[in-house]
Amino acid sequence: MTKNNLNHFIKVSLTVYIFSMFIFSIWSYLQYLDLANLNPNREWSGSLCYLPHGSRVLMLCFFRYYSLPALYLVEISGPLLIYDEGFVDGWSIASLGSLASVIISIELVRWSNIAPGKFSLFRPINFKNYKYLFLVIVISACLNGLFANLIISLISNSIMVNVITVFRFMVGDILGACAVVLALWVIFTTLVDNRLVISPDE
């Protein structure tokens, strides 16, 4: 790895970790409040608006494989440092399935020729058109619901995984990721409208 690549990797890792931990902090606080009383017993049932999935998708789409170490560190350190209720033993392994679901989704979009570019994780992908991003969100949410719960069910005998849990994972990842994307879109369009940020199209 050259010096420039190393500097780029360090910058990406810091950016990904700080942003993803910030998103995790917001989600954990909302999860702790549980204003709608959706999970009073803090069981392994899946969040109905899992914001951290949005950071997974965005970081992997735009920073590619450089973001993987930092994202995995967030998957481990987030529950340990900020909020551990709702997570179970073996999540450090199951989270690999969550990250893999996003990688596979990006590659499926490439392979299907829906999005421009060659079939490779190591090349930039053009997600300026939000329909590609939304497609990755939906596919990765469905895969994550299957992968993460399959791994947990194999590792922990005390956790009962059923269809409702898998469905909640899928819905929660889609809603959470869309909420993050929508929030960022509102923030950046507001900054552009107020001339605080220059639009790349100008």
Protein backbone atom coordinates (compact mmCIF):
# COMPACT_ATOMS: atom_id res chain seq x y z
CA MET A 1 0.00 0.00 0.00
CA THR A 2 1.47 3.35 -1.06
CA LYS A 3 1.61 6.40 1.19
CA ASN A 4 -1.27 8.08 -0.68
CA ASN A 5 -3.40 4.96 -0.40
CA LEU A 6 -2.58 4.69 3.29
CA ASN A 7 -3.54 8.32 3.90
CA HIS A 8 -6.76 7.78 1.98
CA PHE A 9 -7.52 4.64 3.97
CA ILE A 10 -6.96 6.44 7.29
CA LYS A 11 -9.16 9.38 6.28
CA VAL A 12 -11.93 7.09 5.06
CA SER A 13 -11.73 4.94 8.18
CA LEU A 14 -12.01 7.95 10.50
CA THR A 15 -14.88 9.42 8.47
CA VAL A 16 -16.77 6.13 8.33
CA TYR A 17 -16.26 5.36 12.01
CA ILE A 18 -17.27 8.81 13.29
CA PHE A 19 -20.30 9.06 11.00
CA SER A 20 -21.48 5.51 11.69
CA MET A 21 -21.03 5.84 15.46
CA PHE A 22 -23.00 9.09 15.34
CA ILE A 23 -25.84 7.33 13.53
CA PHE A 24 -25.63 4.43 15.98
CA SER A 25 -25.81 6.87 18.90
CA ILE A 26 -28.97 8.50 17.54
CA TRP A 27 -30.59 5.12 16.93
CA SER A 28 -29.60 3.76 20.35
CA TYR A 29 -31.07 6.80 22.10
CA LEU A 30 -34.37 6.43 20.21
CA GLN A 31 -34.30 2.70 20.90
CA TYR A 32 -33.74 3.36 24.60
CA LEU A 33 -36.69 5.76 24.74
CA ASP A 34 -38.90 3.34 22.76
CA LEU A 35 -41.62 5.99 22.56
CA ALA A 36 -43.97 3.69 20.67
CA ASN A 37 -43.35 0.86 23.18
CA LEU A 38 -42.52 -1.51 20.33
CA ASN A 39 -40.09 -3.65 22.31
CA PRO A 40 -40.68 -3.20 26.07
CA ASN A 41 -38.88 -6.42 27.00
CA ARG A 42 -35.78 -5.63 24.90
CA GLU A 43 -36.06 -8.97 23.13
CA TRP A 44 -34.24 -10.06 19.96
CA SER A 45 -37.03 -9.01 17.64
CA GLY A 46 -35.39 -6.52 15.28
CA SER A 47 -35.72 -2.75 15.24
CA LEU A 48 -38.45 -1.35 13.01
CA CYS A 49 -36.23 1.58 12.03
CA TYR A 50 -32.58 0.49 12.18
CA LEU A 51 -30.66 3.64 11.27
CA PRO A 52 -27.19 2.02 11.30
CA HIS A 53 -28.09 0.05 8.19
CA GLY A 54 -28.18 3.36 6.37
CA SER A 55 -24.58 4.06 7.30
CA ARG A 56 -23.60 0.57 6.12
CA VAL A 57 -25.14 1.14 2.72
CA LEU A 58 -23.89 4.69 2.22
CA MET A 59 -20.35 4.02 3.37
CA LEU A 60 -19.93 0.87 1.27
CA CYS A 61 -21.52 2.47 -1.79
CA PHE A 62 -19.33 5.55 -1.77
CA PHE A 63 -16.12 4.47 0.00
CA ARG A 64 -16.16 0.83 -1.15
CA TYR A 65 -13.89 -1.73 0.49
CA TYR A 66 -11.89 0.98 2.31
CA SER A 67 -14.84 1.38 4.69
CA LEU A 68 -15.08 -2.29 5.73
CA PRO A 69 -12.66 -2.27 8.71
CA ALA A 70 -14.24 0.83 10.23
CA LEU A 71 -17.76 -0.47 9.66
CA TYR A 72 -16.93 -3.75 11.35
CA LEU A 73 -15.34 -1.87 14.24
CA VAL A 74 -18.61 0.07 14.63
CA GLU A 75 -20.59 -3.18 14.66
CA ILE A 76 -18.45 -4.35 17.60
CA SER A 77 -17.79 -1.14 19.53
CA GLY A 78 -21.28 0.34 19.13
CA PRO A 79 -23.04 -2.24 21.31
CA LEU A 80 -20.09 -2.34 23.73
CA LEU A 81 -19.61 1.39 24.23
CA ILE A 82 -23.06 2.90 23.67
CA TYR A 83 -25.99 0.51 23.81
CA ASP A 84 -25.88 -3.24 24.34
CA GLU A 85 -29.54 -3.98 25.06
CA GLY A 86 -31.21 -5.76 22.19
CA PHE A 87 -27.94 -7.33 21.01
CA VAL A 88 -27.07 -10.95 21.72
CA ASP A 89 -23.92 -13.03 22.07
CA GLY A 90 -22.46 -13.75 18.69
CA TRP A 91 -23.42 -10.41 17.14
CA SER A 92 -19.75 -9.76 16.32
CA ILE A 93 -19.96 -12.73 13.96
CA ALA A 94 -23.51 -12.12 12.76
CA SER A 95 -22.58 -8.55 11.83
CA LEU A 96 -20.29 -9.99 9.17
CA GLY A 97 -23.44 -11.29 7.51
CA SER A 98 -24.94 -7.80 7.70
CA LEU A 99 -21.93 -6.27 5.96
CA ALA A 100 -21.83 -9.10 3.43
CA SER A 101 -25.49 -8.44 2.58
CA VAL A 102 -24.63 -4.89 1.48
CA ILE A 103 -21.58 -6.01 -0.52
CA ILE A 104 -23.60 -8.70 -2.31
CA SER A 105 -26.38 -6.18 -3.03
CA ILE A 106 -23.95 -3.73 -4.62
CA GLU A 107 -22.46 -6.50 -6.74
CA LEU A 108 -25.91 -7.67 -7.81
CA VAL A 109 -26.74 -4.16 -9.00
CA ARG A 110 -23.50 -4.09 -10.98
CA TRP A 111 -23.90 -7.59 -12.37
CA SER A 112 -27.47 -6.96 -13.49
CA ASN A 113 -26.28 -3.98 -15.56
CA ILE A 114 -28.89 -1.81 -13.86
CA ALA A 115 -26.17 0.58 -12.77
CA PRO A 116 -23.28 1.60 -15.04
CA GLY A 117 -19.81 0.18 -14.43
CA LYS A 118 -18.03 -3.14 -14.50
CA PHE A 119 -18.67 -6.03 -12.15
CA SER A 120 -16.22 -5.18 -9.39
CA LEU A 121 -16.40 -4.07 -5.80
CA PHE A 122 -13.12 -2.21 -6.27
CA ARG A 123 -14.48 0.32 -8.74
CA PRO A 124 -16.61 3.38 -7.93
CA ILE A 125 -20.32 2.98 -8.48
CA ASN A 126 -22.54 5.75 -9.71
CA PHE A 127 -25.37 6.26 -7.25
CA LYS A 128 -26.27 9.80 -8.26
CA ASN A 129 -29.59 8.37 -9.35
CA TYR A 130 -31.26 7.47 -6.09
CA LYS A 131 -33.14 4.51 -7.52
CA TYR A 132 -29.89 2.51 -7.56
CA LEU A 133 -29.25 3.39 -3.94
CA PHE A 134 -32.81 2.44 -2.98
CA LEU A 135 -32.41 -0.87 -4.82
CA VAL A 136 -29.29 -1.67 -2.81
CA ILE A 137 -31.12 -0.75 0.39
CA VAL A 138 -34.02 -3.10 -0.35
CA ILE A 139 -31.88 -6.04 -1.50
CA SER A 140 -29.42 -5.71 1.39
CA ALA A 141 -32.27 -5.45 3.91
CA CYS A 142 -33.80 -8.69 2.67
CA LEU A 143 -30.43 -10.47 2.68
CA ASN A 144 -29.51 -9.12 6.10
CA GLY A 145 -32.76 -10.35 7.60
CA LEU A 146 -31.83 -13.83 6.44
CA PHE A 147 -28.05 -13.82 6.99
CA ALA A 148 -27.90 -12.18 10.44
CA ASN A 149 -30.70 -14.26 11.92
CA LEU A 150 -29.39 -17.48 10.38
CA ILE A 151 -25.97 -16.91 11.94
CA ILE A 152 -27.48 -15.99 15.32
CA SER A 153 -29.70 -19.08 15.30
CA LEU A 154 -26.66 -21.26 14.59
CA ILE A 155 -24.52 -19.65 17.29
CA SER A 156 -27.02 -19.12 20.11
CA ASN A 157 -29.45 -21.84 21.12
CA SER A 158 -31.24 -19.48 23.50
CA ILE A 159 -32.46 -17.17 20.73
CA MET A 160 -35.67 -18.07 18.94
CA VAL A 161 -35.72 -16.71 15.41
CA ASN A 162 -39.03 -16.76 13.58
CA VAL A 163 -40.53 -15.29 10.44
CA ILE A 164 -41.72 -12.18 12.27
CA THR A 165 -38.20 -11.43 13.48
CA VAL A 166 -36.78 -11.77 9.97
CA PHE A 167 -39.56 -9.58 8.59
CA ARG A 168 -38.92 -6.91 11.24
CA PHE A 169 -35.22 -6.93 10.30
CA MET A 170 -36.07 -6.38 6.65
CA VAL A 171 -38.59 -3.60 7.29
CA GLY A 172 -36.42 -1.96 9.93
CA ASP A 173 -33.35 -1.88 7.68
CA ILE A 174 -35.32 -0.40 4.78
CA LEU A 175 -37.01 2.27 6.90
CA GLY A 176 -33.84 3.07 8.83
CA ALA A 177 -31.65 3.40 5.74
CA CYS A 178 -34.26 5.51 3.94
CA ALA A 179 -34.54 7.76 7.00
CA VAL A 180 -30.77 8.36 7.01
CA VAL A 181 -30.67 9.07 3.28
CA LEU A 182 -33.67 11.40 3.52
CA ALA A 183 -32.16 13.28 6.48
CA LEU A 184 -28.86 13.76 4.66
CA TRP A 185 -30.69 14.88 1.51
CA VAL A 186 -32.63 17.50 3.48
CA ILE A 187 -29.47 18.72 5.22
CA PHE A 188 -27.38 19.05 2.08
CA THR A 189 -30.11 20.59 -0.07
CA THR A 190 -30.69 23.14 2.68
CA LEU A 191 -26.98 23.94 2.78
CA VAL A 192 -26.88 24.29 -1.01
CA ASP A 193 -29.98 26.50 -1.07
CA ASN A 194 -28.38 28.78 1.49
CA ARG A 195 -25.08 28.83 -0.43
CA LEU A 196 -23.23 27.25 2.47
CA VAL A 197 -22.18 24.36 0.22
CA ILE A 198 -21.51 24.55 -3.52
CA SER A 199 -23.41 21.96 -5.52
CA PRO A 200 -21.16 19.76 -7.72
CA ASP A 201 -23.58 20.35 -10.61
CA GLU A 202 -22.84 24.07 -10.64
